[in-house]
Amino acid sequence: MPKVKYYFNPSNLKYERVRITLKKRLLRVFGFLTTAIVFAAIIIVVLWNVVDSPKERQLKRQLEEISLQYEMLQQRTDQAEAVLSDIQDRDNTIYRVIFEADPIPQSVREAGYGGVDRYNDLKDYYNADLIREVTMQVDKLSKQLYIQSKSFDEVFNLVKNKSQMLASIPAIQPIANKDLKYIASGFGWRIHPIYKTEKMHSGMDFTAPVGTPIHATGNGTVAKIEYDGRGYGNNVIVNHGWGFESLYGHMSKIVVRPGQKITRGDLLGYVGSTGASTGPHLHYEVRKGGTPVNPANFYYNDLTPEEYEKMMELASRPGQSFD
């Protein structure tokens, strides 16, 4: 049985029994239930935020694994960027320099990929910054690889053209060493044999007997043939492409025709003394972009270092030219 409670009533100096009304009983029960509910709610909230459920623990482990994978992916993209940077550097400073192509500007290689809005869809993901950073790196690598691929395509074409260019540039003497008497005059200021005044001699004079074969110094096309009693006399001009031309003057006989395709070493004609000439010889010129350049710089396919040095010494001696 519940204990009976009494209280002292000072007005009548007696102990009287405490009588609890139904209302008070209901209020006590309500207060107890309210307190219990509040404490229960607090405990639930604490447990919800502090203690993970098995499913939450599993999801967190998955997220940690994904984060680790993203970090590893970022490391790999960093390594790929380093390798690509080395390839780009070699492409600009070696390959394109060898084949005389302009390097690709860094501003083109480093150009952005898309706009800022391109990555807005990633902002609501877990670890959004990491995902966005890796995605931007991959996009940047994709574009740089595309540009590098196109650059290698261009270099490949340059390689093919380079072999054609090397075969076309004048690179041998027009008269074989065994047929030469000597080099009468080189490139530079010389005394004109007829006018006896100093004049720019825009080629080299090779003295040889009349009828000595004259050979093309590079692949090309016969661009012009002249039969003239003055100047270079009977002469042939060969267009080698890439801005190069060669001229062969004072010939006694020409055996090619305009427009004819020729290969280095083909016979063009024979040594003579036609035009403004004081003796049998070949006046030979090399022109780049229409401007005469020293032919002695182009004999790298024909002479040993010792022969080249001797030829340069003879060609550089001052004196009188033959034309």
C-alpha atoms as a PDB file:
ATOM      1  CA  MET A   1       0.000   0.000   0.000  1.00  0.00           C
ATOM      2  CA  PRO A   2       1.185   3.518  -0.708  1.00  0.00           C
ATOM      3  CA  LYS A   3       2.421   5.384   2.272  1.00  0.00           C
ATOM      4  CA  VAL A   4      -0.036   7.838   3.864  1.00  0.00           C
ATOM      5  CA  LYS A   5       1.444  11.280   4.238  1.00  0.00           C
ATOM      6  CA  TYR A   6       0.561  13.809   6.927  1.00  0.00           C
ATOM      7  CA  TYR A   7       1.339  17.408   7.416  1.00  0.00           C
ATOM      8  CA  PHE A   8       1.207  19.664  10.575  1.00  0.00           C
ATOM      9  CA  ASN A   9      -1.527  22.235  10.489  1.00  0.00           C
ATOM     10  CA  PRO A  10      -0.458  25.198  12.637  1.00  0.00           C
ATOM     11  CA  SER A  11      -3.932  26.619  12.734  1.00  0.00           C
ATOM     12  CA  ASN A  12      -5.320  23.775  14.850  1.00  0.00           C
ATOM     13  CA  LEU A  13      -2.035  22.308  16.023  1.00  0.00           C
ATOM     14  CA  LYS A  14      -2.844  18.925  14.577  1.00  0.00           C
ATOM     15  CA  TYR A  15      -1.396  16.510  12.042  1.00  0.00           C
ATOM     16  CA  GLU A  16      -3.698  16.083   9.137  1.00  0.00           C
ATOM     17  CA  ARG A  17      -3.630  13.595   6.343  1.00  0.00           C
ATOM     18  CA  VAL A  18      -2.346  14.851   2.953  1.00  0.00           C
ATOM     19  CA  ARG A  19      -4.957  14.326   0.358  1.00  0.00           C
ATOM     20  CA  ILE A  20      -3.758  14.476  -3.339  1.00  0.00           C
ATOM     21  CA  THR A  21      -6.373  15.494  -5.802  1.00  0.00           C
ATOM     22  CA  LEU A  22      -6.848  13.861  -9.163  1.00  0.00           C
ATOM     23  CA  LYS A  23      -5.689  17.016 -10.897  1.00  0.00           C
ATOM     24  CA  LYS A  24      -2.402  16.976  -9.037  1.00  0.00           C
ATOM     25  CA  ARG A  25      -1.948  13.345  -9.778  1.00  0.00           C
ATOM     26  CA  LEU A  26      -2.520  13.955 -13.489  1.00  0.00           C
ATOM     27  CA  LEU A  27      -0.081  16.907 -13.472  1.00  0.00           C
ATOM     28  CA  ARG A  28       2.560  14.773 -11.810  1.00  0.00           C
ATOM     29  CA  VAL A  29       2.089  11.999 -14.339  1.00  0.00           C
ATOM     30  CA  PHE A  30       2.209  14.499 -17.215  1.00  0.00           C
ATOM     31  CA  GLY A  31       5.344  16.131 -15.816  1.00  0.00           C
ATOM     32  CA  PHE A  32       7.033  12.759 -15.445  1.00  0.00           C
ATOM     33  CA  LEU A  33       6.116  11.741 -18.967  1.00  0.00           C
ATOM     34  CA  THR A  34       7.258  15.115 -20.378  1.00  0.00           C
ATOM     35  CA  THR A  35      10.575  14.848 -18.577  1.00  0.00           C
ATOM     36  CA  ALA A  36      11.021  11.297 -19.788  1.00  0.00           C
ATOM     37  CA  ILE A  37      10.250  12.277 -23.372  1.00  0.00           C
ATOM     38  CA  VAL A  38      12.682  15.223 -23.256  1.00  0.00           C
ATOM     39  CA  PHE A  39      15.474  13.069 -21.857  1.00  0.00           C
ATOM     40  CA  ALA A  40      14.728  10.374 -24.379  1.00  0.00           C
ATOM     41  CA  ALA A  41      14.846  12.922 -27.200  1.00  0.00           C
ATOM     42  CA  ILE A  42      18.174  14.261 -25.940  1.00  0.00           C
ATOM     43  CA  ILE A  43      19.617  10.765 -25.732  1.00  0.00           C
ATOM     44  CA  ILE A  44      18.377   9.937 -29.241  1.00  0.00           C
ATOM     45  CA  VAL A  45      19.839  13.152 -30.697  1.00  0.00           C
ATOM     46  CA  VAL A  46      23.179  12.531 -28.989  1.00  0.00           C
ATOM     47  CA  LEU A  47      23.286   8.948 -30.172  1.00  0.00           C
ATOM     48  CA  TRP A  48      22.208   9.968 -33.696  1.00  0.00           C
ATOM     49  CA  ASN A  49      25.031  12.475 -34.005  1.00  0.00           C
ATOM     50  CA  VAL A  50      27.733  10.638 -32.094  1.00  0.00           C
ATOM     51  CA  VAL A  51      27.145   6.960 -32.643  1.00  0.00           C
ATOM     52  CA  ASP A  52      26.948   5.728 -36.262  1.00  0.00           C
ATOM     53  CA  SER A  53      24.586   3.059 -37.371  1.00  0.00           C
ATOM     54  CA  PRO A  54      26.052   0.006 -39.167  1.00  0.00           C
ATOM     55  CA  LYS A  55      24.854   1.363 -42.504  1.00  0.00           C
ATOM     56  CA  GLU A  56      26.391   4.772 -41.827  1.00  0.00           C
ATOM     57  CA  ARG A  57      29.671   3.147 -40.842  1.00  0.00           C
ATOM     58  CA  GLN A  58      29.653   1.217 -44.104  1.00  0.00           C
ATOM     59  CA  LEU A  59      28.921   4.344 -46.151  1.00  0.00           C
ATOM     60  CA  LYS A  60      31.692   6.263 -44.391  1.00  0.00           C
ATOM     61  CA  ARG A  61      34.165   3.487 -45.172  1.00  0.00           C
ATOM     62  CA  GLN A  62      33.128   3.654 -48.823  1.00  0.00           C
ATOM     63  CA  LEU A  63      33.553   7.422 -48.868  1.00  0.00           C
ATOM     64  CA  GLU A  64      37.001   7.093 -47.320  1.00  0.00           C
ATOM     65  CA  GLU A  65      37.957   4.573 -49.983  1.00  0.00           C
ATOM     66  CA  ILE A  66      36.633   6.858 -52.731  1.00  0.00           C
ATOM     67  CA  SER A  67      38.570   9.806 -51.293  1.00  0.00           C
ATOM     68  CA  LEU A  68      41.732   7.685 -51.255  1.00  0.00           C
ATOM     69  CA  GLN A  69      41.138   6.662 -54.857  1.00  0.00           C
ATOM     70  CA  TYR A  70      40.689  10.308 -55.875  1.00  0.00           C
ATOM     71  CA  GLU A  71      43.912  11.271 -54.125  1.00  0.00           C
ATOM     72  CA  MET A  72      45.762   8.470 -55.908  1.00  0.00           C
ATOM     73  CA  LEU A  73      44.193   9.574 -59.203  1.00  0.00           C
ATOM     74  CA  GLN A  74      45.373  13.133 -58.568  1.00  0.00           C
ATOM     75  CA  GLN A  75      48.903  11.857 -57.958  1.00  0.00           C
ATOM     76  CA  ARG A  76      48.801   9.949 -61.228  1.00  0.00           C
ATOM     77  CA  THR A  77      47.541  12.999 -63.127  1.00  0.00           C
ATOM     78  CA  ASP A  78      50.367  15.028 -61.553  1.00  0.00           C
ATOM     79  CA  GLN A  79      52.847  12.433 -62.831  1.00  0.00           C
ATOM     80  CA  ALA A  80      51.212  12.463 -66.277  1.00  0.00           C
ATOM     81  CA  GLU A  81      51.446  16.262 -66.343  1.00  0.00           C
ATOM     82  CA  ALA A  82      55.161  16.058 -65.541  1.00  0.00           C
ATOM     83  CA  VAL A  83      55.780  13.552 -68.353  1.00  0.00           C
ATOM     84  CA  LEU A  84      53.721  15.595 -70.804  1.00  0.00           C
ATOM     85  CA  SER A  85      55.594  18.752 -69.819  1.00  0.00           C
ATOM     86  CA  ASP A  86      58.892  17.032 -70.653  1.00  0.00           C
ATOM     87  CA  ILE A  87      57.514  15.896 -74.034  1.00  0.00           C
ATOM     88  CA  GLN A  88      56.282  19.422 -74.781  1.00  0.00           C
ATOM     89  CA  ASP A  89      59.673  20.870 -73.905  1.00  0.00           C
ATOM     90  CA  ARG A  90      61.495  18.418 -76.192  1.00  0.00           C
ATOM     91  CA  ASP A  91      58.914  19.060 -78.920  1.00  0.00           C
ATOM     92  CA  ASN A  92      59.535  22.820 -78.823  1.00  0.00           C
ATOM     93  CA  THR A  93      63.298  22.885 -78.211  1.00  0.00           C
ATOM     94  CA  ILE A  94      64.476  19.849 -80.197  1.00  0.00           C
ATOM     95  CA  TYR A  95      62.072  18.382 -82.738  1.00  0.00           C
ATOM     96  CA  ARG A  96      60.597  21.625 -84.053  1.00  0.00           C
ATOM     97  CA  VAL A  97      63.977  23.382 -84.002  1.00  0.00           C
ATOM     98  CA  ILE A  98      65.598  20.607 -86.054  1.00  0.00           C
ATOM     99  CA  PHE A  99      62.915  20.880 -88.693  1.00  0.00           C
ATOM    100  CA  GLU A 100      62.809  24.704 -88.611  1.00  0.00           C
ATOM    101  CA  ALA A 101      59.235  24.932 -87.319  1.00  0.00           C
ATOM    102  CA  ASP A 102      57.996  27.581 -84.933  1.00  0.00           C
ATOM    103  CA  PRO A 103      57.464  26.315 -81.375  1.00  0.00           C
ATOM    104  CA  ILE A 104      53.888  26.125 -80.089  1.00  0.00           C
ATOM    105  CA  PRO A 105      53.300  29.089 -77.732  1.00  0.00           C
ATOM    106  CA  GLN A 106      52.827  28.174 -74.084  1.00  0.00           C
ATOM    107  CA  SER A 107      49.616  30.230 -74.068  1.00  0.00           C
ATOM    108  CA  VAL A 108      48.156  27.767 -76.579  1.00  0.00           C
ATOM    109  CA  ARG A 109      49.392  24.702 -74.699  1.00  0.00           C
ATOM    110  CA  GLU A 110      48.063  26.010 -71.338  1.00  0.00           C
ATOM    111  CA  ALA A 111      44.735  27.341 -72.616  1.00  0.00           C
ATOM    112  CA  GLY A 112      41.705  26.604 -70.436  1.00  0.00           C
ATOM    113  CA  TYR A 113      39.145  23.934 -71.125  1.00  0.00           C
ATOM    114  CA  GLY A 114      35.550  25.125 -71.027  1.00  0.00           C
ATOM    115  CA  GLY A 115      34.231  27.755 -68.598  1.00  0.00           C
ATOM    116  CA  VAL A 116      33.579  27.967 -64.866  1.00  0.00           C
ATOM    117  CA  ASP A 117      29.994  26.747 -65.337  1.00  0.00           C
ATOM    118  CA  ARG A 118      31.374  23.491 -66.714  1.00  0.00           C
ATOM    119  CA  TYR A 119      32.056  22.256 -63.160  1.00  0.00           C
ATOM    120  CA  ASN A 120      28.958  23.582 -61.407  1.00  0.00           C
ATOM    121  CA  ASP A 121      27.341  20.140 -61.485  1.00  0.00           C
ATOM    122  CA  LEU A 122      30.079  18.841 -59.185  1.00  0.00           C
ATOM    123  CA  LYS A 123      29.677  21.360 -56.370  1.00  0.00           C
ATOM    124  CA  ASP A 124      27.048  19.343 -54.446  1.00  0.00           C
ATOM    125  CA  TYR A 125      29.081  16.141 -54.267  1.00  0.00           C
ATOM    126  CA  TYR A 126      30.909  14.914 -51.195  1.00  0.00           C
ATOM    127  CA  ASN A 127      34.536  16.122 -51.450  1.00  0.00           C
ATOM    128  CA  ALA A 128      33.411  18.428 -54.258  1.00  0.00           C
ATOM    129  CA  ASP A 129      36.671  20.410 -54.264  1.00  0.00           C
ATOM    130  CA  LEU A 130      38.751  17.285 -54.766  1.00  0.00           C
ATOM    131  CA  ILE A 131      36.470  15.940 -57.490  1.00  0.00           C
ATOM    132  CA  ARG A 132      36.425  19.300 -59.294  1.00  0.00           C
ATOM    133  CA  GLU A 133      40.216  19.632 -59.084  1.00  0.00           C
ATOM    134  CA  VAL A 134      40.828  16.162 -60.516  1.00  0.00           C
ATOM    135  CA  THR A 135      38.228  16.693 -63.241  1.00  0.00           C
ATOM    136  CA  MET A 136      39.861  19.988 -64.249  1.00  0.00           C
ATOM    137  CA  GLN A 137      43.279  18.304 -64.359  1.00  0.00           C
ATOM    138  CA  VAL A 138      41.974  15.498 -66.557  1.00  0.00           C
ATOM    139  CA  ASP A 139      40.289  17.995 -68.903  1.00  0.00           C
ATOM    140  CA  LYS A 140      43.489  20.045 -69.116  1.00  0.00           C
ATOM    141  CA  LEU A 141      45.557  16.940 -69.837  1.00  0.00           C
ATOM    142  CA  SER A 142      43.077  15.890 -72.524  1.00  0.00           C
ATOM    143  CA  LYS A 143      43.433  19.189 -74.348  1.00  0.00           C
ATOM    144  CA  GLN A 144      47.228  19.287 -74.002  1.00  0.00           C
ATOM    145  CA  LEU A 145      47.483  15.724 -75.305  1.00  0.00           C
ATOM    146  CA  TYR A 146      45.320  16.678 -78.285  1.00  0.00           C
ATOM    147  CA  ILE A 147      47.552  19.675 -79.074  1.00  0.00           C
ATOM    148  CA  GLN A 148      50.678  17.527 -78.657  1.00  0.00           C
ATOM    149  CA  SER A 149      49.231  14.851 -80.930  1.00  0.00           C
ATOM    150  CA  LYS A 150      48.601  17.465 -83.633  1.00  0.00           C
ATOM    151  CA  SER A 151      52.134  18.792 -83.130  1.00  0.00           C
ATOM    152  CA  PHE A 152      53.598  15.317 -83.670  1.00  0.00           C
ATOM    153  CA  ASP A 153      51.489  14.973 -86.823  1.00  0.00           C
ATOM    154  CA  GLU A 154      53.051  18.193 -88.060  1.00  0.00           C
ATOM    155  CA  VAL A 155      56.565  17.060 -87.088  1.00  0.00           C
ATOM    156  CA  PHE A 156      55.976  13.751 -88.903  1.00  0.00           C
ATOM    157  CA  ASN A 157      55.091  15.658 -92.069  1.00  0.00           C
ATOM    158  CA  LEU A 158      58.154  17.831 -91.551  1.00  0.00           C
ATOM    159  CA  VAL A 159      60.291  14.685 -91.343  1.00  0.00           C
ATOM    160  CA  LYS A 160      58.941  13.495 -94.679  1.00  0.00           C
ATOM    161  CA  ASN A 161      59.424  16.933 -96.218  1.00  0.00           C
ATOM    162  CA  LYS A 162      62.871  17.224 -94.628  1.00  0.00           C
ATOM    163  CA  SER A 163      64.144  14.201 -96.539  1.00  0.00           C
ATOM    164  CA  GLN A 164      62.835  15.769 -99.732  1.00  0.00           C
ATOM    165  CA  MET A 165      64.364  19.103 -98.787  1.00  0.00           C
ATOM    166  CA  LEU A 166      67.757  17.567 -98.000  1.00  0.00           C
ATOM    167  CA  ALA A 167      67.715  15.864-101.408  1.00  0.00           C
ATOM    168  CA  SER A 168      66.811  19.135-103.113  1.00  0.00           C
ATOM    169  CA  ILE A 169      69.135  21.669-101.487  1.00  0.00           C
ATOM    170  CA  PRO A 170      72.278  22.170-103.645  1.00  0.00           C
ATOM    171  CA  ALA A 171      74.853  20.077-101.774  1.00  0.00           C
ATOM    172  CA  ILE A 172      77.561  18.961-104.226  1.00  0.00           C
ATOM    173  CA  GLN A 173      80.002  20.616-106.590  1.00  0.00           C
ATOM    174  CA  PRO A 174      78.617  20.997-110.132  1.00  0.00           C
ATOM    175  CA  ILE A 175      81.912  19.698-111.560  1.00  0.00           C
ATOM    176  CA  ALA A 176      83.620  16.627-110.127  1.00  0.00           C
ATOM    177  CA  ASN A 177      87.014  17.173-108.502  1.00  0.00           C
ATOM    178  CA  LYS A 178      88.745  14.922-111.041  1.00  0.00           C
ATOM    179  CA  ASP A 179      87.623  17.215-113.885  1.00  0.00           C
ATOM    180  CA  LEU A 180      88.608  20.496-112.202  1.00  0.00           C
ATOM    181  CA  LYS A 181      91.745  22.432-113.029  1.00  0.00           C
ATOM    182  CA  TYR A 182      91.222  24.813-110.115  1.00  0.00           C
ATOM    183  CA  ILE A 183      88.746  27.210-108.555  1.00  0.00           C
ATOM    184  CA  ALA A 184      89.434  30.502-110.269  1.00  0.00           C
ATOM    185  CA  SER A 185      87.326  32.762-108.142  1.00  0.00           C
ATOM    186  CA  GLY A 186      85.107  32.532-105.119  1.00  0.00           C
ATOM    187  CA  PHE A 187      82.120  34.441-103.743  1.00  0.00           C
ATOM    188  CA  GLY A 188      82.708  38.096-102.856  1.00  0.00           C
ATOM    189  CA  TRP A 189      84.182  41.323-104.221  1.00  0.00           C
ATOM    190  CA  ARG A 190      86.485  40.652-107.168  1.00  0.00           C
ATOM    191  CA  ILE A 191      88.099  42.541-110.059  1.00  0.00           C
ATOM    192  CA  HIS A 192      85.949  42.186-113.163  1.00  0.00           C
ATOM    193  CA  PRO A 193      88.091  40.663-115.966  1.00  0.00           C
ATOM    194  CA  ILE A 194      86.679  42.934-118.672  1.00  0.00           C
ATOM    195  CA  TYR A 195      85.844  46.214-116.932  1.00  0.00           C
ATOM    196  CA  LYS A 196      88.785  45.996-114.484  1.00  0.00           C
ATOM    197  CA  THR A 197      86.657  47.402-111.672  1.00  0.00           C
ATOM    198  CA  GLU A 198      85.790  45.849-108.335  1.00  0.00           C
ATOM    199  CA  LYS A 199      82.435  44.110-108.540  1.00  0.00           C
ATOM    200  CA  MET A 200      80.473  41.706-106.406  1.00  0.00           C
ATOM    201  CA  HIS A 201      81.008  38.187-107.704  1.00  0.00           C
ATOM    202  CA  SER A 202      77.818  36.373-106.742  1.00  0.00           C
ATOM    203  CA  GLY A 203      78.985  32.819-107.330  1.00  0.00           C
ATOM    204  CA  MET A 204      82.038  30.604-107.845  1.00  0.00           C
ATOM    205  CA  ASP A 205      84.068  30.022-111.003  1.00  0.00           C
ATOM    206  CA  PHE A 206      85.230  26.466-111.697  1.00  0.00           C
ATOM    207  CA  THR A 207      87.831  26.222-114.475  1.00  0.00           C
ATOM    208  CA  ALA A 208      87.732  23.056-116.579  1.00  0.00           C
ATOM    209  CA  PRO A 209      88.240  22.122-120.231  1.00  0.00           C
ATOM    210  CA  VAL A 210      85.468  22.829-122.708  1.00  0.00           C
ATOM    211  CA  GLY A 211      83.091  19.881-122.779  1.00  0.00           C
ATOM    212  CA  THR A 212      83.546  18.928-119.107  1.00  0.00           C
ATOM    213  CA  PRO A 213      80.197  17.581-117.748  1.00  0.00           C
ATOM    214  CA  ILE A 214      78.170  19.859-115.470  1.00  0.00           C
ATOM    215  CA  HIS A 215      75.869  18.145-112.978  1.00  0.00           C
ATOM    216  CA  ALA A 216      72.787  19.298-111.072  1.00  0.00           C
ATOM    217  CA  THR A 217      73.653  19.920-107.428  1.00  0.00           C
ATOM    218  CA  GLY A 218      70.213  18.988-106.077  1.00  0.00           C
ATOM    219  CA  ASN A 219      66.792  17.671-107.047  1.00  0.00           C
ATOM    220  CA  GLY A 220      64.518  20.174-108.733  1.00  0.00           C
ATOM    221  CA  THR A 221      62.956  21.476-111.907  1.00  0.00           C
ATOM    222  CA  VAL A 222      64.615  23.315-114.766  1.00  0.00           C
ATOM    223  CA  ALA A 223      63.083  26.759-114.353  1.00  0.00           C
ATOM    224  CA  LYS A 224      64.828  28.704-117.130  1.00  0.00           C
ATOM    225  CA  ILE A 225      67.255  28.248-120.020  1.00  0.00           C
ATOM    226  CA  GLU A 226      68.980  31.165-121.770  1.00  0.00           C
ATOM    227  CA  TYR A 227      71.144  31.282-124.871  1.00  0.00           C
ATOM    228  CA  ASP A 228      72.823  34.666-124.644  1.00  0.00           C
ATOM    229  CA  GLY A 229      75.965  36.200-126.115  1.00  0.00           C
ATOM    230  CA  ARG A 230      76.378  38.402-123.067  1.00  0.00           C
ATOM    231  CA  GLY A 231      76.345  38.034-119.305  1.00  0.00           C
ATOM    232  CA  TYR A 232      76.178  34.391-118.229  1.00  0.00           C
ATOM    233  CA  GLY A 233      75.994  33.222-121.858  1.00  0.00           C
ATOM    234  CA  ASN A 234      74.253  29.889-122.241  1.00  0.00           C
ATOM    235  CA  ASN A 235      72.914  29.214-118.757  1.00  0.00           C
ATOM    236  CA  VAL A 236      70.461  27.052-116.844  1.00  0.00           C
ATOM    237  CA  ILE A 237      68.502  27.938-113.700  1.00  0.00           C
ATOM    238  CA  VAL A 238      67.170  25.087-111.560  1.00  0.00           C
ATOM    239  CA  ASN A 239      64.427  25.636-108.999  1.00  0.00           C
ATOM    240  CA  HIS A 240      65.025  23.293-106.043  1.00  0.00           C
ATOM    241  CA  GLY A 241      62.038  24.401-103.953  1.00  0.00           C
ATOM    242  CA  TRP A 242      62.152  25.714-100.379  1.00  0.00           C
ATOM    243  CA  GLY A 243      63.362  29.051-101.799  1.00  0.00           C
ATOM    244  CA  PHE A 244      66.550  27.620-103.369  1.00  0.00           C
ATOM    245  CA  GLU A 245      67.752  28.092-106.958  1.00  0.00           C
ATOM    246  CA  SER A 246      71.028  27.301-108.668  1.00  0.00           C
ATOM    247  CA  LEU A 247      72.495  28.887-111.821  1.00  0.00           C
ATOM    248  CA  TYR A 248      75.001  27.343-114.227  1.00  0.00           C
ATOM    249  CA  GLY A 249      76.577  29.833-116.656  1.00  0.00           C
ATOM    250  CA  HIS A 250      78.819  30.055-119.739  1.00  0.00           C
ATOM    251  CA  MET A 251      77.896  26.522-120.885  1.00  0.00           C
ATOM    252  CA  SER A 252      78.961  25.295-124.313  1.00  0.00           C
ATOM    253  CA  LYS A 253      75.985  22.936-124.605  1.00  0.00           C
ATOM    254  CA  ILE A 254      72.740  22.460-122.659  1.00  0.00           C
ATOM    255  CA  VAL A 255      71.100  19.009-122.619  1.00  0.00           C
ATOM    256  CA  VAL A 256      67.978  19.704-120.514  1.00  0.00           C
ATOM    257  CA  ARG A 257      64.743  21.490-121.339  1.00  0.00           C
ATOM    258  CA  PRO A 258      62.546  23.926-119.344  1.00  0.00           C
ATOM    259  CA  GLY A 259      60.182  22.188-116.905  1.00  0.00           C
ATOM    260  CA  GLN A 260      62.243  18.996-116.819  1.00  0.00           C
ATOM    261  CA  LYS A 261      62.436  17.209-113.461  1.00  0.00           C
ATOM    262  CA  ILE A 262      65.994  16.454-112.466  1.00  0.00           C
ATOM    263  CA  THR A 263      67.793  14.586-109.708  1.00  0.00           C
ATOM    264  CA  ARG A 264      71.019  15.524-107.991  1.00  0.00           C
ATOM    265  CA  GLY A 265      73.921  14.439-110.199  1.00  0.00           C
ATOM    266  CA  ASP A 266      71.970  14.551-113.491  1.00  0.00           C
ATOM    267  CA  LEU A 267      73.816  15.982-116.484  1.00  0.00           C
ATOM    268  CA  LEU A 268      72.763  19.543-117.334  1.00  0.00           C
ATOM    269  CA  GLY A 269      75.309  20.377-120.030  1.00  0.00           C
ATOM    270  CA  TYR A 270      78.989  21.043-120.629  1.00  0.00           C
ATOM    271  CA  VAL A 271      81.593  23.649-119.699  1.00  0.00           C
ATOM    272  CA  GLY A 272      82.118  26.435-122.214  1.00  0.00           C
ATOM    273  CA  SER A 273      83.090  30.091-122.431  1.00  0.00           C
ATOM    274  CA  THR A 274      79.934  31.721-123.792  1.00  0.00           C
ATOM    275  CA  GLY A 275      78.782  35.222-122.793  1.00  0.00           C
ATOM    276  CA  ALA A 276      81.031  37.620-120.851  1.00  0.00           C
ATOM    277  CA  SER A 277      83.771  35.096-120.167  1.00  0.00           C
ATOM    278  CA  THR A 278      87.556  35.246-120.505  1.00  0.00           C
ATOM    279  CA  GLY A 279      88.165  31.488-120.576  1.00  0.00           C
ATOM    280  CA  PRO A 280      86.507  28.063-120.273  1.00  0.00           C
ATOM    281  CA  HIS A 281      84.857  27.810-116.879  1.00  0.00           C
ATOM    282  CA  LEU A 282      81.538  27.340-115.091  1.00  0.00           C
ATOM    283  CA  HIS A 283      80.015  30.234-113.189  1.00  0.00           C
ATOM    284  CA  TYR A 284      77.916  28.612-110.482  1.00  0.00           C
ATOM    285  CA  GLU A 285      75.460  30.393-108.161  1.00  0.00           C
ATOM    286  CA  VAL A 286      73.169  29.373-105.317  1.00  0.00           C
ATOM    287  CA  ARG A 287      70.279  31.674-104.505  1.00  0.00           C
ATOM    288  CA  LYS A 288      68.056  31.620-101.419  1.00  0.00           C
ATOM    289  CA  GLY A 289      64.869  33.640-101.690  1.00  0.00           C
ATOM    290  CA  GLY A 290      66.252  35.263-104.832  1.00  0.00           C
ATOM    291  CA  THR A 291      69.428  36.476-103.088  1.00  0.00           C
ATOM    292  CA  PRO A 292      72.826  34.949-104.003  1.00  0.00           C
ATOM    293  CA  VAL A 293      74.565  33.142-101.134  1.00  0.00           C
ATOM    294  CA  ASN A 294      78.048  31.649-100.967  1.00  0.00           C
ATOM    295  CA  PRO A 295      77.902  28.260-102.771  1.00  0.00           C
ATOM    296  CA  ALA A 296      80.891  27.057-100.750  1.00  0.00           C
ATOM    297  CA  ASN A 297      78.576  26.635 -97.774  1.00  0.00           C
ATOM    298  CA  PHE A 298      76.647  23.868 -99.574  1.00  0.00           C
ATOM    299  CA  TYR A 299      79.284  21.295-100.484  1.00  0.00           C
ATOM    300  CA  TYR A 300      78.809  19.156 -97.391  1.00  0.00           C
ATOM    301  CA  ASN A 301      77.758  16.078 -99.435  1.00  0.00           C
ATOM    302  CA  ASP A 302      80.732  16.194-101.772  1.00  0.00           C
ATOM    303  CA  LEU A 303      83.964  17.012 -99.939  1.00  0.00           C
ATOM    304  CA  THR A 304      85.973  15.648 -97.059  1.00  0.00           C
ATOM    305  CA  PRO A 305      86.819  18.148 -94.299  1.00  0.00           C
ATOM    306  CA  GLU A 306      90.344  18.473 -95.711  1.00  0.00           C
ATOM    307  CA  GLU A 307      89.077  19.052 -99.261  1.00  0.00           C
ATOM    308  CA  TYR A 308      86.510  21.548 -98.025  1.00  0.00           C
ATOM    309  CA  GLU A 309      89.138  23.503 -96.091  1.00  0.00           C
ATOM    310  CA  LYS A 310      91.413  23.596 -99.165  1.00  0.00           C
ATOM    311  CA  MET A 311      88.522  24.693-101.402  1.00  0.00           C
ATOM    312  CA  MET A 312      87.582  27.509 -98.992  1.00  0.00           C
ATOM    313  CA  GLU A 313      91.173  28.712 -98.948  1.00  0.00           C
ATOM    314  CA  LEU A 314      91.350  28.856-102.745  1.00  0.00           C
ATOM    315  CA  ALA A 315      87.925  30.462-103.100  1.00  0.00           C
ATOM    316  CA  SER A 316      88.709  33.193-100.586  1.00  0.00           C
ATOM    317  CA  ARG A 317      91.837  34.451-102.329  1.00  0.00           C
ATOM    318  CA  PRO A 318      91.371  37.947-103.767  1.00  0.00           C
ATOM    319  CA  GLY A 319      91.945  38.468-107.442  1.00  0.00           C
ATOM    320  CA  GLN A 320      90.189  38.595-110.750  1.00  0.00           C
ATOM    321  CA  SER A 321      87.107  36.588-111.659  1.00  0.00           C
ATOM    322  CA  PHE A 322      86.547  34.909-115.023  1.00  0.00           C
ATOM    323  CA  ASP A 323      83.240  36.760-115.672  1.00  0.00           C
END
